[in-house]
Amino acid sequence: MTVSKPINPVLRDFDQLSDCVQVRLPVVKALLGVSSATVWRLVKQNKLSSYKLTERTTTFNVGELKKFLAAKASA
C-alpha cells in the first residue's frame, strides 16, 4: 500500500497567491524541484532574490518566483 503525502496548500494554490506574499525555502525547493544548494546557487547567480526577515529566516517573493518560472518555461 502506498501512502501519499498531502500537498502543501501553498504549493497547491501557488497561482492564486498574491505577488507580494513571501514563502520560505521548502516551498521554493518543492516548486522548482531542486535542492537547497541549487536554490542558493540561483540566489548567488542573481537569478533569484532572497530576503532576510531575521538572522535565521529567509523568504522569497511569490511575484519574483512566478516571473522566474515563466521565463524558465519560455526558454
N, C-alpha and C. Protein backbone atom coordinates (compact mmCIF):
# COMPACT_ATOMS: atom_id res chain seq x y z
N MET A 1 0.84 -1.18 0.00
CA MET A 1 0.00 0.00 0.00
C MET A 1 0.88 1.24 0.00
N THR A 2 0.60 2.16 -0.90
CA THR A 2 1.35 3.40 -0.99
C THR A 2 0.63 4.50 -0.23
N VAL A 3 1.36 5.15 0.64
CA VAL A 3 0.79 6.26 1.40
C VAL A 3 1.29 7.54 0.77
N SER A 4 0.38 8.36 0.29
CA SER A 4 0.80 9.61 -0.33
C SER A 4 0.76 10.74 0.69
N LYS A 5 1.69 11.62 0.54
CA LYS A 5 1.82 12.77 1.42
C LYS A 5 0.88 13.86 0.93
N PRO A 6 0.18 14.56 1.84
CA PRO A 6 -0.70 15.63 1.38
C PRO A 6 0.10 16.77 0.75
N ILE A 7 -0.47 17.40 -0.24
CA ILE A 7 0.19 18.51 -0.92
C ILE A 7 0.12 19.76 -0.05
N ASN A 8 1.24 20.42 0.07
CA ASN A 8 1.31 21.68 0.82
C ASN A 8 0.32 22.67 0.19
N PRO A 9 -0.57 23.27 0.99
CA PRO A 9 -1.56 24.20 0.43
C PRO A 9 -0.93 25.37 -0.32
N VAL A 10 0.25 25.80 0.10
CA VAL A 10 0.93 26.90 -0.59
C VAL A 10 1.30 26.48 -2.00
N LEU A 11 1.77 25.24 -2.14
CA LEU A 11 2.11 24.75 -3.48
C LEU A 11 0.87 24.53 -4.31
N ARG A 12 -0.16 23.94 -3.71
CA ARG A 12 -1.40 23.64 -4.43
C ARG A 12 -2.04 24.92 -4.97
N ASP A 13 -2.00 25.99 -4.18
CA ASP A 13 -2.67 27.24 -4.55
C ASP A 13 -1.70 28.34 -4.97
N PHE A 14 -0.51 27.96 -5.40
CA PHE A 14 0.53 28.95 -5.72
C PHE A 14 0.07 29.99 -6.73
N ASP A 15 -0.63 29.57 -7.76
CA ASP A 15 -1.08 30.50 -8.80
C ASP A 15 -2.04 31.56 -8.28
N GLN A 16 -2.74 31.25 -7.20
CA GLN A 16 -3.71 32.20 -6.65
C GLN A 16 -3.08 33.13 -5.61
N LEU A 17 -1.84 32.89 -5.22
CA LEU A 17 -1.20 33.74 -4.21
C LEU A 17 -0.91 35.12 -4.79
N SER A 18 -1.04 36.12 -3.96
CA SER A 18 -0.70 37.49 -4.35
C SER A 18 0.80 37.58 -4.60
N ASP A 19 1.19 38.45 -5.52
CA ASP A 19 2.61 38.61 -5.84
C ASP A 19 3.43 39.15 -4.68
N CYS A 20 2.79 39.73 -3.68
CA CYS A 20 3.54 40.31 -2.56
C CYS A 20 3.76 39.31 -1.42
N VAL A 21 3.24 38.10 -1.53
CA VAL A 21 3.40 37.09 -0.49
C VAL A 21 4.85 36.59 -0.48
N GLN A 22 5.34 36.29 0.71
CA GLN A 22 6.68 35.73 0.88
C GLN A 22 6.56 34.27 1.27
N VAL A 23 7.41 33.41 0.70
CA VAL A 23 7.42 31.99 1.04
C VAL A 23 8.82 31.60 1.48
N ARG A 24 8.90 30.46 2.16
CA ARG A 24 10.17 30.00 2.70
C ARG A 24 10.84 28.99 1.77
N LEU A 25 12.06 28.63 2.09
CA LEU A 25 12.88 27.75 1.26
C LEU A 25 12.22 26.42 0.90
N PRO A 26 11.57 25.72 1.84
CA PRO A 26 10.96 24.43 1.45
C PRO A 26 9.94 24.56 0.32
N VAL A 27 9.21 25.65 0.28
CA VAL A 27 8.23 25.87 -0.79
C VAL A 27 8.96 26.09 -2.11
N VAL A 28 10.02 26.89 -2.09
CA VAL A 28 10.79 27.18 -3.31
C VAL A 28 11.42 25.89 -3.84
N LYS A 29 11.99 25.09 -2.96
CA LYS A 29 12.59 23.82 -3.37
C LYS A 29 11.56 22.92 -4.04
N ALA A 30 10.40 22.79 -3.42
CA ALA A 30 9.36 21.92 -3.98
C ALA A 30 8.81 22.49 -5.29
N LEU A 31 8.65 23.79 -5.34
CA LEU A 31 8.11 24.44 -6.53
C LEU A 31 9.04 24.25 -7.73
N LEU A 32 10.33 24.41 -7.50
CA LEU A 32 11.30 24.28 -8.58
C LEU A 32 11.79 22.85 -8.78
N GLY A 33 11.54 22.00 -7.79
CA GLY A 33 12.01 20.61 -7.88
C GLY A 33 13.51 20.50 -7.79
N VAL A 34 14.12 21.32 -6.93
CA VAL A 34 15.58 21.34 -6.79
C VAL A 34 15.97 21.24 -5.31
N SER A 35 17.25 21.11 -5.07
CA SER A 35 17.78 21.04 -3.71
C SER A 35 17.99 22.44 -3.14
N SER A 36 18.26 22.49 -1.84
CA SER A 36 18.59 23.76 -1.19
C SER A 36 19.83 24.38 -1.83
N ALA A 37 20.81 23.54 -2.10
CA ALA A 37 22.06 24.04 -2.70
C ALA A 37 21.79 24.71 -4.04
N THR A 38 20.90 24.14 -4.82
CA THR A 38 20.57 24.74 -6.12
C THR A 38 19.85 26.07 -5.95
N VAL A 39 18.94 26.15 -4.99
CA VAL A 39 18.26 27.43 -4.73
C VAL A 39 19.28 28.49 -4.38
N TRP A 40 20.20 28.15 -3.46
CA TRP A 40 21.21 29.14 -3.05
C TRP A 40 22.16 29.48 -4.19
N ARG A 41 22.42 28.53 -5.07
CA ARG A 41 23.23 28.81 -6.25
C ARG A 41 22.53 29.81 -7.16
N LEU A 42 21.21 29.65 -7.33
CA LEU A 42 20.44 30.60 -8.14
C LEU A 42 20.44 31.99 -7.51
N VAL A 43 20.39 32.05 -6.19
CA VAL A 43 20.46 33.35 -5.50
C VAL A 43 21.83 33.98 -5.74
N LYS A 44 22.88 33.19 -5.60
CA LYS A 44 24.24 33.70 -5.80
C LYS A 44 24.45 34.20 -7.23
N GLN A 45 23.79 33.55 -8.18
CA GLN A 45 23.90 33.94 -9.59
C GLN A 45 22.94 35.08 -9.94
N ASN A 46 22.24 35.61 -8.95
CA ASN A 46 21.26 36.69 -9.12
C ASN A 46 20.11 36.32 -10.04
N LYS A 47 19.78 35.04 -10.10
CA LYS A 47 18.62 34.59 -10.86
C LYS A 47 17.37 34.57 -9.99
N LEU A 48 17.58 34.44 -8.67
CA LEU A 48 16.51 34.53 -7.68
C LEU A 48 16.95 35.51 -6.60
N SER A 49 15.98 36.18 -6.00
CA SER A 49 16.28 37.08 -4.89
C SER A 49 15.74 36.48 -3.61
N SER A 50 16.48 36.67 -2.54
CA SER A 50 16.03 36.23 -1.22
C SER A 50 16.01 37.44 -0.29
N TYR A 51 15.19 37.34 0.74
CA TYR A 51 15.01 38.45 1.68
C TYR A 51 15.15 37.94 3.10
N LYS A 52 16.04 38.56 3.87
CA LYS A 52 16.26 38.18 5.26
C LYS A 52 15.23 38.88 6.15
N LEU A 53 14.42 38.09 6.86
CA LEU A 53 13.49 38.65 7.84
C LEU A 53 14.18 38.76 9.19
N THR A 54 14.90 37.71 9.54
CA THR A 54 15.70 37.70 10.76
C THR A 54 17.02 37.01 10.41
N GLU A 55 17.88 36.88 11.39
CA GLU A 55 19.16 36.23 11.15
C GLU A 55 18.99 34.82 10.59
N ARG A 56 17.94 34.13 11.02
CA ARG A 56 17.74 32.73 10.62
C ARG A 56 16.52 32.50 9.73
N THR A 57 15.89 33.56 9.26
CA THR A 57 14.68 33.43 8.45
C THR A 57 14.85 34.15 7.12
N THR A 58 14.82 33.39 6.06
CA THR A 58 14.94 33.94 4.71
C THR A 58 13.67 33.60 3.94
N THR A 59 13.19 34.55 3.15
CA THR A 59 11.98 34.33 2.35
C THR A 59 12.26 34.66 0.89
N PHE A 60 11.30 34.27 0.06
CA PHE A 60 11.36 34.52 -1.38
C PHE A 60 10.01 35.10 -1.79
N ASN A 61 10.03 36.06 -2.69
CA ASN A 61 8.81 36.74 -3.13
C ASN A 61 8.08 35.93 -4.20
N VAL A 62 6.78 35.72 -4.01
CA VAL A 62 5.97 34.94 -4.95
C VAL A 62 5.96 35.56 -6.34
N GLY A 63 5.82 36.87 -6.43
CA GLY A 63 5.81 37.54 -7.73
C GLY A 63 7.09 37.28 -8.51
N GLU A 64 8.22 37.35 -7.82
CA GLU A 64 9.51 37.09 -8.46
C GLU A 64 9.64 35.62 -8.86
N LEU A 65 9.11 34.73 -8.02
CA LEU A 65 9.14 33.30 -8.37
C LEU A 65 8.28 33.02 -9.60
N LYS A 66 7.12 33.66 -9.69
CA LYS A 66 6.25 33.48 -10.86
C LYS A 66 6.96 33.95 -12.12
N LYS A 67 7.67 35.07 -12.05
CA LYS A 67 8.42 35.57 -13.22
C LYS A 67 9.54 34.61 -13.59
N PHE A 68 10.23 34.10 -12.58
CA PHE A 68 11.31 33.15 -12.82
C PHE A 68 10.77 31.90 -13.52
N LEU A 69 9.66 31.38 -13.02
CA LEU A 69 9.08 30.18 -13.63
C LEU A 69 8.59 30.45 -15.05
N ALA A 70 8.02 31.62 -15.28
CA ALA A 70 7.54 31.96 -16.62
C ALA A 70 8.71 32.06 -17.60
N ALA A 71 9.81 32.66 -17.17
CA ALA A 71 10.99 32.78 -18.02
C ALA A 71 11.59 31.41 -18.30
N LYS A 72 11.59 30.56 -17.29
CA LYS A 72 12.14 29.20 -17.44
C LYS A 72 11.28 28.38 -18.41
N ALA A 73 9.94 28.58 -18.35
CA ALA A 73 9.03 27.84 -19.22
C ALA A 73 9.15 28.28 -20.67
N SER A 74 9.44 29.56 -20.89
CA SER A 74 9.53 30.07 -22.26
C SER A 74 10.91 29.88 -22.87
N ALA A 75 11.87 29.45 -22.09
CA ALA A 75 13.23 29.27 -22.60
C ALA A 75 13.39 27.96 -23.34
